Amino acid sequence: MVRGRRFDLVILDLTLPGGMGGKEALKKLMEIDPTVNAIVSSGYAMDATMSHSADFGFRGMIAKPYEASELGRVVRETIASSRVSYGDSYALQRPC
């Protein structure tokens, strides 16, 4: 987030060896902006997070490897299906 402006969408990798994975990152992002649009991406297509991504707060999913055209389609669909109207005002919470 840039000084009160929200990102249209974030793409989070499910697994990051030695680092924070997508599920944990999304939890932290949702503390700042509960309306965050997030797509989960992973090469582990059989992971429960990938097959039930909405249950974890993701609004889109894309399995690796993928083509640029597929990524574009998922990004467009996720933004279009957002429950947030970008014209609406809302109170952003400040990160701790």
PDB file of N, CA and C in Angstrom:
ATOM      1  N   MET A   1       0.840  -1.164   0.000  1.00  0.00           N
ATOM      2  CA  MET A   1       0.000   0.000   0.000  1.00  0.00           C
ATOM      3  C   MET A   1       0.891   1.234   0.000  1.00  0.00           C
ATOM      4  N   VAL A   2       0.524   2.189  -0.772  1.00  0.00           N
ATOM      5  CA  VAL A   2       1.305   3.409  -0.887  1.00  0.00           C
ATOM      6  C   VAL A   2       0.499   4.565  -0.322  1.00  0.00           C
ATOM      7  N   ARG A   3       0.865   5.003   0.825  1.00  0.00           N
ATOM      8  CA  ARG A   3       0.239   6.170   1.460  1.00  0.00           C
ATOM      9  C   ARG A   3      -1.257   6.291   1.229  1.00  0.00           C
ATOM     10  N   GLY A   4      -2.015   5.339   1.751  1.00  0.00           N
ATOM     11  CA  GLY A   4      -3.468   5.400   1.666  1.00  0.00           C
ATOM     12  C   GLY A   4      -4.068   4.896   0.374  1.00  0.00           C
ATOM     13  N   ARG A   5      -3.243   4.538  -0.613  1.00  0.00           N
ATOM     14  CA  ARG A   5      -3.756   3.993  -1.870  1.00  0.00           C
ATOM     15  C   ARG A   5      -3.586   2.489  -1.845  1.00  0.00           C
ATOM     16  N   ARG A   6      -4.616   1.792  -2.274  1.00  0.00           N
ATOM     17  CA  ARG A   6      -4.549   0.329  -2.243  1.00  0.00           C
ATOM     18  C   ARG A   6      -4.036  -0.211  -3.558  1.00  0.00           C
ATOM     19  N   PHE A   7      -3.457  -1.398  -3.485  1.00  0.00           N
ATOM     20  CA  PHE A   7      -3.066  -2.116  -4.689  1.00  0.00           C
ATOM     21  C   PHE A   7      -4.308  -2.777  -5.256  1.00  0.00           C
ATOM     22  N   ASP A   8      -4.401  -2.878  -6.564  1.00  0.00           N
ATOM     23  CA  ASP A   8      -5.532  -3.567  -7.185  1.00  0.00           C
ATOM     24  C   ASP A   8      -5.502  -5.045  -6.871  1.00  0.00           C
ATOM     25  N   LEU A   9      -4.288  -5.608  -6.748  1.00  0.00           N
ATOM     26  CA  LEU A   9      -4.163  -7.049  -6.585  1.00  0.00           C
ATOM     27  C   LEU A   9      -2.745  -7.400  -6.158  1.00  0.00           C
ATOM     28  N   VAL A  10      -2.610  -8.473  -5.386  1.00  0.00           N
ATOM     29  CA  VAL A  10      -1.295  -9.014  -5.057  1.00  0.00           C
ATOM     30  C   VAL A  10      -1.276 -10.487  -5.446  1.00  0.00           C
ATOM     31  N   ILE A  11      -0.108 -10.958  -5.871  1.00  0.00           N
ATOM     32  CA  ILE A  11       0.088 -12.368  -6.194  1.00  0.00           C
ATOM     33  C   ILE A  11       1.080 -12.905  -5.186  1.00  0.00           C
ATOM     34  N   LEU A  12       0.663 -13.937  -4.457  1.00  0.00           N
ATOM     35  CA  LEU A  12       1.492 -14.491  -3.399  1.00  0.00           C
ATOM     36  C   LEU A  12       1.841 -15.938  -3.695  1.00  0.00           C
ATOM     37  N   ASP A  13       3.122 -16.271  -3.566  1.00  0.00           N
ATOM     38  CA  ASP A  13       3.563 -17.647  -3.722  1.00  0.00           C
ATOM     39  C   ASP A  13       3.206 -18.396  -2.444  1.00  0.00           C
ATOM     40  N   LEU A  14       2.645 -19.574  -2.586  1.00  0.00           N
ATOM     41  CA  LEU A  14       2.215 -20.357  -1.435  1.00  0.00           C
ATOM     42  C   LEU A  14       3.382 -20.751  -0.541  1.00  0.00           C
ATOM     43  N   THR A  15       4.472 -21.167  -1.138  1.00  0.00           N
ATOM     44  CA  THR A  15       5.607 -21.677  -0.368  1.00  0.00           C
ATOM     45  C   THR A  15       6.862 -20.889  -0.695  1.00  0.00           C
ATOM     46  N   LEU A  16       7.521 -20.400   0.336  1.00  0.00           N
ATOM     47  CA  LEU A  16       8.772 -19.692   0.177  1.00  0.00           C
ATOM     48  C   LEU A  16       9.748 -20.281   1.183  1.00  0.00           C
ATOM     49  N   PRO A  17      10.622 -21.188   0.749  1.00  0.00           N
ATOM     50  CA  PRO A  17      11.551 -21.838   1.680  1.00  0.00           C
ATOM     51  C   PRO A  17      12.317 -20.817   2.518  1.00  0.00           C
ATOM     52  N   GLY A  18      12.262 -20.995   3.819  1.00  0.00           N
ATOM     53  CA  GLY A  18      12.980 -20.107   4.723  1.00  0.00           C
ATOM     54  C   GLY A  18      12.329 -18.758   4.920  1.00  0.00           C
ATOM     55  N   GLY A  19      11.145 -18.546   4.359  1.00  0.00           N
ATOM     56  CA  GLY A  19      10.486 -17.244   4.476  1.00  0.00           C
ATOM     57  C   GLY A  19       8.999 -17.392   4.731  1.00  0.00           C
ATOM     58  N   MET A  20       8.325 -16.270   4.743  1.00  0.00           N
ATOM     59  CA  MET A  20       6.892 -16.252   4.979  1.00  0.00           C
ATOM     60  C   MET A  20       6.166 -16.692   3.710  1.00  0.00           C
ATOM     61  N   GLY A  21       5.316 -17.691   3.831  1.00  0.00           N
ATOM     62  CA  GLY A  21       4.545 -18.170   2.688  1.00  0.00           C
ATOM     63  C   GLY A  21       3.314 -17.322   2.443  1.00  0.00           C
ATOM     64  N   GLY A  22       2.595 -17.660   1.401  1.00  0.00           N
ATOM     65  CA  GLY A  22       1.442 -16.885   0.980  1.00  0.00           C
ATOM     66  C   GLY A  22       0.315 -16.807   1.987  1.00  0.00           C
ATOM     67  N   LYS A  23       0.033 -17.914   2.683  1.00  0.00           N
ATOM     68  CA  LYS A  23      -1.061 -17.886   3.677  1.00  0.00           C
ATOM     69  C   LYS A  23      -0.749 -16.907   4.800  1.00  0.00           C
ATOM     70  N   GLU A  24       0.478 -16.944   5.298  1.00  0.00           N
ATOM     71  CA  GLU A  24       0.864 -16.043   6.388  1.00  0.00           C
ATOM     72  C   GLU A  24       0.893 -14.588   5.915  1.00  0.00           C
ATOM     73  N   ALA A  25       1.411 -14.383   4.709  1.00  0.00           N
ATOM     74  CA  ALA A  25       1.462 -13.023   4.162  1.00  0.00           C
ATOM     75  C   ALA A  25       0.058 -12.454   3.986  1.00  0.00           C
ATOM     76  N   LEU A  26      -0.865 -13.286   3.502  1.00  0.00           N
ATOM     77  CA  LEU A  26      -2.236 -12.816   3.311  1.00  0.00           C
ATOM     78  C   LEU A  26      -2.883 -12.440   4.637  1.00  0.00           C
ATOM     79  N   LYS A  27      -2.636 -13.204   5.678  1.00  0.00           N
ATOM     80  CA  LYS A  27      -3.183 -12.858   7.004  1.00  0.00           C
ATOM     81  C   LYS A  27      -2.718 -11.471   7.427  1.00  0.00           C
ATOM     82  N   LYS A  28      -1.433 -11.193   7.227  1.00  0.00           N
ATOM     83  CA  LYS A  28      -0.903  -9.884   7.609  1.00  0.00           C
ATOM     84  C   LYS A  28      -1.472  -8.767   6.730  1.00  0.00           C
ATOM     85  N   LEU A  29      -1.605  -9.031   5.431  1.00  0.00           N
ATOM     86  CA  LEU A  29      -2.189  -8.035   4.534  1.00  0.00           C
ATOM     87  C   LEU A  29      -3.642  -7.746   4.905  1.00  0.00           C
ATOM     88  N   MET A  30      -4.375  -8.772   5.296  1.00  0.00           N
ATOM     89  CA  MET A  30      -5.784  -8.590   5.658  1.00  0.00           C
ATOM     90  C   MET A  30      -5.950  -7.804   6.954  1.00  0.00           C
ATOM     91  N   GLU A  31      -4.928  -7.797   7.800  1.00  0.00           N
ATOM     92  CA  GLU A  31      -4.964  -6.954   8.995  1.00  0.00           C
ATOM     93  C   GLU A  31      -4.901  -5.478   8.606  1.00  0.00           C
ATOM     94  N   ILE A  32      -4.201  -5.191   7.526  1.00  0.00           N
ATOM     95  CA  ILE A  32      -4.076  -3.812   7.042  1.00  0.00           C
ATOM     96  C   ILE A  32      -5.279  -3.432   6.186  1.00  0.00           C
ATOM     97  N   ASP A  33      -5.665  -4.328   5.279  1.00  0.00           N
ATOM     98  CA  ASP A  33      -6.781  -4.080   4.356  1.00  0.00           C
ATOM     99  C   ASP A  33      -7.583  -5.372   4.201  1.00  0.00           C
ATOM    100  N   PRO A  34      -8.698  -5.502   4.915  1.00  0.00           N
ATOM    101  CA  PRO A  34      -9.499  -6.725   4.844  1.00  0.00           C
ATOM    102  C   PRO A  34     -10.092  -6.999   3.460  1.00  0.00           C
ATOM    103  N   THR A  35     -10.034  -6.026   2.561  1.00  0.00           N
ATOM    104  CA  THR A  35     -10.604  -6.204   1.228  1.00  0.00           C
ATOM    105  C   THR A  35      -9.548  -6.540   0.186  1.00  0.00           C
ATOM    106  N   VAL A  36      -8.341  -6.882   0.617  1.00  0.00           N
ATOM    107  CA  VAL A  36      -7.238  -7.138  -0.307  1.00  0.00           C
ATOM    108  C   VAL A  36      -7.597  -8.227  -1.324  1.00  0.00           C
ATOM    109  N   ASN A  37      -7.275  -7.976  -2.582  1.00  0.00           N
ATOM    110  CA  ASN A  37      -7.442  -8.961  -3.655  1.00  0.00           C
ATOM    111  C   ASN A  37      -6.141  -9.730  -3.761  1.00  0.00           C
ATOM    112  N   ALA A  38      -6.172 -11.025  -3.496  1.00  0.00           N
ATOM    113  CA  ALA A  38      -4.952 -11.823  -3.535  1.00  0.00           C
ATOM    114  C   ALA A  38      -5.156 -13.078  -4.369  1.00  0.00           C
ATOM    115  N   ILE A  39      -4.148 -13.362  -5.178  1.00  0.00           N
ATOM    116  CA  ILE A  39      -4.087 -14.593  -5.952  1.00  0.00           C
ATOM    117  C   ILE A  39      -2.974 -15.435  -5.353  1.00  0.00           C
ATOM    118  N   VAL A  40      -3.247 -16.710  -5.129  1.00  0.00           N
ATOM    119  CA  VAL A  40      -2.218 -17.628  -4.660  1.00  0.00           C
ATOM    120  C   VAL A  40      -1.639 -18.354  -5.868  1.00  0.00           C
ATOM    121  N   SER A  41      -0.327 -18.537  -5.856  1.00  0.00           N
ATOM    122  CA  SER A  41       0.355 -19.233  -6.936  1.00  0.00           C
ATOM    123  C   SER A  41       1.297 -20.260  -6.335  1.00  0.00           C
ATOM    124  N   SER A  42       1.360 -21.433  -6.961  1.00  0.00           N
ATOM    125  CA  SER A  42       2.245 -22.474  -6.453  1.00  0.00           C
ATOM    126  C   SER A  42       2.455 -23.553  -7.491  1.00  0.00           C
ATOM    127  N   GLY A  43       3.559 -24.238  -7.357  1.00  0.00           N
ATOM    128  CA  GLY A  43       3.816 -25.428  -8.152  1.00  0.00           C
ATOM    129  C   GLY A  43       3.278 -26.669  -7.477  1.00  0.00           C
ATOM    130  N   TYR A  44       2.781 -26.516  -6.252  1.00  0.00           N
ATOM    131  CA  TYR A  44       2.209 -27.626  -5.498  1.00  0.00           C
ATOM    132  C   TYR A  44       0.694 -27.617  -5.666  1.00  0.00           C
ATOM    133  N   ALA A  45       0.237 -28.023  -6.830  1.00  0.00           N
ATOM    134  CA  ALA A  45      -1.187 -27.950  -7.171  1.00  0.00           C
ATOM    135  C   ALA A  45      -2.060 -28.819  -6.273  1.00  0.00           C
ATOM    136  N   MET A  46      -1.493 -29.837  -5.650  1.00  0.00           N
ATOM    137  CA  MET A  46      -2.279 -30.734  -4.806  1.00  0.00           C
ATOM    138  C   MET A  46      -2.450 -30.201  -3.386  1.00  0.00           C
ATOM    139  N   ASP A  47      -1.798 -29.114  -3.039  1.00  0.00           N
ATOM    140  CA  ASP A  47      -1.919 -28.529  -1.704  1.00  0.00           C
ATOM    141  C   ASP A  47      -3.354 -28.074  -1.468  1.00  0.00           C
ATOM    142  N   ALA A  48      -3.866 -28.297  -0.272  1.00  0.00           N
ATOM    143  CA  ALA A  48      -5.246 -27.920   0.063  1.00  0.00           C
ATOM    144  C   ALA A  48      -5.503 -26.427  -0.137  1.00  0.00           C
ATOM    145  N   THR A  49      -4.494 -25.608   0.070  1.00  0.00           N
ATOM    146  CA  THR A  49      -4.666 -24.169  -0.121  1.00  0.00           C
ATOM    147  C   THR A  49      -4.981 -23.861  -1.580  1.00  0.00           C
ATOM    148  N   MET A  50      -4.386 -24.601  -2.490  1.00  0.00           N
ATOM    149  CA  MET A  50      -4.641 -24.375  -3.910  1.00  0.00           C
ATOM    150  C   MET A  50      -6.042 -24.848  -4.293  1.00  0.00           C
ATOM    151  N   SER A  51      -6.454 -26.000  -3.796  1.00  0.00           N
ATOM    152  CA  SER A  51      -7.761 -26.533  -4.184  1.00  0.00           C
ATOM    153  C   SER A  51      -8.924 -25.845  -3.462  1.00  0.00           C
ATOM    154  N   HIS A  52      -8.638 -25.194  -2.340  1.00  0.00           N
ATOM    155  CA  HIS A  52      -9.675 -24.490  -1.573  1.00  0.00           C
ATOM    156  C   HIS A  52      -9.208 -23.072  -1.251  1.00  0.00           C
ATOM    157  N   SER A  53      -8.661 -22.381  -2.248  1.00  0.00           N
ATOM    158  CA  SER A  53      -8.023 -21.085  -2.021  1.00  0.00           C
ATOM    159  C   SER A  53      -8.951 -20.048  -1.389  1.00  0.00           C
ATOM    160  N   ALA A  54     -10.227 -20.062  -1.749  1.00  0.00           N
ATOM    161  CA  ALA A  54     -11.173 -19.084  -1.186  1.00  0.00           C
ATOM    162  C   ALA A  54     -11.348 -19.276   0.318  1.00  0.00           C
ATOM    163  N   ASP A  55     -11.226 -20.508   0.788  1.00  0.00           N
ATOM    164  CA  ASP A  55     -11.345 -20.783   2.221  1.00  0.00           C
ATOM    165  C   ASP A  55     -10.246 -20.103   3.025  1.00  0.00           C
ATOM    166  N   PHE A  56      -9.142 -19.774   2.372  1.00  0.00           N
ATOM    167  CA  PHE A  56      -8.012 -19.144   3.037  1.00  0.00           C
ATOM    168  C   PHE A  56      -7.963 -17.640   2.785  1.00  0.00           C
ATOM    169  N   GLY A  57      -8.956 -17.101   2.072  1.00  0.00           N
ATOM    170  CA  GLY A  57      -9.036 -15.662   1.827  1.00  0.00           C
ATOM    171  C   GLY A  57      -8.534 -15.215   0.468  1.00  0.00           C
ATOM    172  N   PHE A  58      -8.034 -16.157  -0.339  1.00  0.00           N
ATOM    173  CA  PHE A  58      -7.575 -15.793  -1.676  1.00  0.00           C
ATOM    174  C   PHE A  58      -8.782 -15.637  -2.593  1.00  0.00           C
ATOM    175  N   ARG A  59      -8.669 -14.739  -3.553  1.00  0.00           N
ATOM    176  CA  ARG A  59      -9.762 -14.517  -4.500  1.00  0.00           C
ATOM    177  C   ARG A  59      -9.461 -15.074  -5.874  1.00  0.00           C
ATOM    178  N   GLY A  60      -8.272 -15.632  -6.025  1.00  0.00           N
ATOM    179  CA  GLY A  60      -7.885 -16.259  -7.273  1.00  0.00           C
ATOM    180  C   GLY A  60      -6.770 -17.248  -7.030  1.00  0.00           C
ATOM    181  N   MET A  61      -6.532 -18.122  -8.001  1.00  0.00           N
ATOM    182  CA  MET A  61      -5.518 -19.158  -7.878  1.00  0.00           C
ATOM    183  C   MET A  61      -4.941 -19.437  -9.255  1.00  0.00           C
ATOM    184  N   ILE A  62      -3.624 -19.659  -9.300  1.00  0.00           N
ATOM    185  CA  ILE A  62      -2.980 -20.067 -10.541  1.00  0.00           C
ATOM    186  C   ILE A  62      -1.841 -21.024 -10.202  1.00  0.00           C
ATOM    187  N   ALA A  63      -1.840 -22.170 -10.869  1.00  0.00           N
ATOM    188  CA  ALA A  63      -0.811 -23.190 -10.633  1.00  0.00           C
ATOM    189  C   ALA A  63       0.368 -22.961 -11.568  1.00  0.00           C
ATOM    190  N   LYS A  64       1.567 -23.162 -11.042  1.00  0.00           N
ATOM    191  CA  LYS A  64       2.782 -23.072 -11.846  1.00  0.00           C
ATOM    192  C   LYS A  64       3.023 -24.409 -12.527  1.00  0.00           C
ATOM    193  N   PRO A  65       3.638 -24.445 -13.657  1.00  0.00           N
ATOM    194  CA  PRO A  65       3.990 -23.295 -14.490  1.00  0.00           C
ATOM    195  C   PRO A  65       2.753 -22.786 -15.225  1.00  0.00           C
ATOM    196  N   TYR A  66       2.760 -21.522 -15.585  1.00  0.00           N
ATOM    197  CA  TYR A  66       1.633 -20.952 -16.313  1.00  0.00           C
ATOM    198  C   TYR A  66       2.140 -20.034 -17.413  1.00  0.00           C
ATOM    199  N   GLU A  67       1.281 -19.810 -18.377  1.00  0.00           N
ATOM    200  CA  GLU A  67       1.572 -18.899 -19.495  1.00  0.00           C
ATOM    201  C   GLU A  67       1.130 -17.489 -19.098  1.00  0.00           C
ATOM    202  N   ALA A  68       1.741 -16.500 -19.708  1.00  0.00           N
ATOM    203  CA  ALA A  68       1.386 -15.107 -19.430  1.00  0.00           C
ATOM    204  C   ALA A  68      -0.094 -14.850 -19.704  1.00  0.00           C
ATOM    205  N   SER A  69      -0.640 -15.479 -20.756  1.00  0.00           N
ATOM    206  CA  SER A  69      -2.048 -15.267 -21.086  1.00  0.00           C
ATOM    207  C   SER A  69      -2.961 -15.811 -19.983  1.00  0.00           C
ATOM    208  N   GLU A  70      -2.583 -16.935 -19.388  1.00  0.00           N
ATOM    209  CA  GLU A  70      -3.371 -17.499 -18.286  1.00  0.00           C
ATOM    210  C   GLU A  70      -3.300 -16.590 -17.064  1.00  0.00           C
ATOM    211  N   LEU A  71      -2.112 -16.081 -16.768  1.00  0.00           N
ATOM    212  CA  LEU A  71      -1.964 -15.152 -15.650  1.00  0.00           C
ATOM    213  C   LEU A  71      -2.819 -13.913 -15.881  1.00  0.00           C
ATOM    214  N   GLY A  72      -2.791 -13.372 -17.085  1.00  0.00           N
ATOM    215  CA  GLY A  72      -3.608 -12.205 -17.411  1.00  0.00           C
ATOM    216  C   GLY A  72      -5.086 -12.465 -17.208  1.00  0.00           C
ATOM    217  N   ARG A  73      -5.552 -13.651 -17.632  1.00  0.00           N
ATOM    218  CA  ARG A  73      -6.957 -14.017 -17.458  1.00  0.00           C
ATOM    219  C   ARG A  73      -7.332 -14.083 -15.978  1.00  0.00           C
ATOM    220  N   VAL A  74      -6.480 -14.727 -15.168  1.00  0.00           N
ATOM    221  CA  VAL A  74      -6.769 -14.860 -13.736  1.00  0.00           C
ATOM    222  C   VAL A  74      -6.758 -13.492 -13.060  1.00  0.00           C
ATOM    223  N   VAL A  75      -5.816 -12.643 -13.421  1.00  0.00           N
ATOM    224  CA  VAL A  75      -5.758 -11.293 -12.852  1.00  0.00           C
ATOM    225  C   VAL A  75      -7.025 -10.517 -13.204  1.00  0.00           C
ATOM    226  N   ARG A  76      -7.413 -10.527 -14.481  1.00  0.00           N
ATOM    227  CA  ARG A  76      -8.635  -9.807 -14.905  1.00  0.00           C
ATOM    228  C   ARG A  76      -9.861 -10.331 -14.171  1.00  0.00           C
ATOM    229  N   GLU A  77     -10.013 -11.658 -14.109  1.00  0.00           N
ATOM    230  CA  GLU A  77     -11.184 -12.252 -13.454  1.00  0.00           C
ATOM    231  C   GLU A  77     -11.213 -11.916 -11.960  1.00  0.00           C
ATOM    232  N   THR A  78     -10.061 -11.937 -11.327  1.00  0.00           N
ATOM    233  CA  THR A  78     -10.013 -11.653  -9.891  1.00  0.00           C
ATOM    234  C   THR A  78     -10.376 -10.207  -9.608  1.00  0.00           C
ATOM    235  N   ILE A  79      -9.841  -9.293 -10.374  1.00  0.00           N
ATOM    236  CA  ILE A  79     -10.172  -7.881 -10.167  1.00  0.00           C
ATOM    237  C   ILE A  79     -11.648  -7.634 -10.489  1.00  0.00           C
ATOM    238  N   ALA A  80     -12.144  -8.221 -11.570  1.00  0.00           N
ATOM    239  CA  ALA A  80     -13.537  -8.016 -11.970  1.00  0.00           C
ATOM    240  C   ALA A  80     -14.517  -8.572 -10.947  1.00  0.00           C
ATOM    241  N   SER A  81     -14.141  -9.644 -10.280  1.00  0.00           N
ATOM    242  CA  SER A  81     -15.060 -10.268  -9.322  1.00  0.00           C
ATOM    243  C   SER A  81     -14.892  -9.720  -7.910  1.00  0.00           C
ATOM    244  N   SER A  82     -14.042  -8.721  -7.772  1.00  0.00           N
ATOM    245  CA  SER A  82     -13.789  -8.144  -6.452  1.00  0.00           C
ATOM    246  C   SER A  82     -15.086  -7.644  -5.830  1.00  0.00           C
ATOM    247  N   ARG A  83     -15.183  -7.835  -4.547  1.00  0.00           N
ATOM    248  CA  ARG A  83     -16.359  -7.354  -3.821  1.00  0.00           C
ATOM    249  C   ARG A  83     -16.205  -5.896  -3.431  1.00  0.00           C
ATOM    250  N   VAL A  84     -15.105  -5.281  -3.817  1.00  0.00           N
ATOM    251  CA  VAL A  84     -14.830  -3.896  -3.442  1.00  0.00           C
ATOM    252  C   VAL A  84     -15.007  -3.006  -4.657  1.00  0.00           C
ATOM    253  N   SER A  85     -15.734  -1.943  -4.487  1.00  0.00           N
ATOM    254  CA  SER A  85     -15.832  -0.941  -5.535  1.00  0.00           C
ATOM    255  C   SER A  85     -14.702   0.045  -5.301  1.00  0.00           C
ATOM    256  N   TYR A  86     -13.843   0.241  -6.294  1.00  0.00           N
ATOM    257  CA  TYR A  86     -12.684   1.096  -6.109  1.00  0.00           C
ATOM    258  C   TYR A  86     -13.057   2.554  -5.922  1.00  0.00           C
ATOM    259  N   GLY A  87     -14.301   2.899  -6.213  1.00  0.00           N
ATOM    260  CA  GLY A  87     -14.746   4.265  -5.987  1.00  0.00           C
ATOM    261  C   GLY A  87     -15.199   4.486  -4.552  1.00  0.00           C
ATOM    262  N   ASP A  88     -15.470   3.405  -3.842  1.00  0.00           N
ATOM    263  CA  ASP A  88     -15.918   3.522  -2.456  1.00  0.00           C
ATOM    264  C   ASP A  88     -14.765   3.979  -1.577  1.00  0.00           C
ATOM    265  N   SER A  89     -15.093   4.732  -0.568  1.00  0.00           N
ATOM    266  CA  SER A  89     -14.069   5.083   0.410  1.00  0.00           C
ATOM    267  C   SER A  89     -14.165   4.093   1.564  1.00  0.00           C
ATOM    268  N   TYR A  90     -13.060   3.827   2.172  1.00  0.00           N
ATOM    269  CA  TYR A  90     -13.025   2.925   3.308  1.00  0.00           C
ATOM    270  C   TYR A  90     -11.847   3.317   4.172  1.00  0.00           C
ATOM    271  N   ALA A  91     -11.913   2.958   5.422  1.00  0.00           N
ATOM    272  CA  ALA A  91     -10.843   3.319   6.350  1.00  0.00           C
ATOM    273  C   ALA A  91      -9.749   2.259   6.264  1.00  0.00           C
ATOM    274  N   LEU A  92      -8.552   2.681   5.962  1.00  0.00           N
ATOM    275  CA  LEU A  92      -7.408   1.774   5.951  1.00  0.00           C
ATOM    276  C   LEU A  92      -6.801   1.729   7.335  1.00  0.00           C
ATOM    277  N   GLN A  93      -6.403   0.556   7.743  1.00  0.00           N
ATOM    278  CA  GLN A  93      -5.739   0.419   9.026  1.00  0.00           C
ATOM    279  C   GLN A  93      -4.239   0.562   8.816  1.00  0.00           C
ATOM    280  N   ARG A  94      -3.581   1.178   9.744  1.00  0.00           N
ATOM    281  CA  ARG A  94      -2.133   1.382   9.652  1.00  0.00           C
ATOM    282  C   ARG A  94      -1.422   0.138  10.147  1.00  0.00           C
ATOM    283  N   PRO A  95      -0.350  -0.286   9.457  1.00  0.00           N
ATOM    284  CA  PRO A  95       0.434  -1.418   9.962  1.00  0.00           C
ATOM    285  C   PRO A  95       1.099  -1.072  11.279  1.00  0.00           C
ATOM    286  N   CYS A  96       1.290  -2.070  12.112  1.00  0.00           N
ATOM    287  CA  CYS A  96       1.915  -1.856  13.421  1.00  0.00           C
ATOM    288  C   CYS A  96       3.397  -1.671  13.290  1.00  0.00           C
TER     289      CYS A  96
END
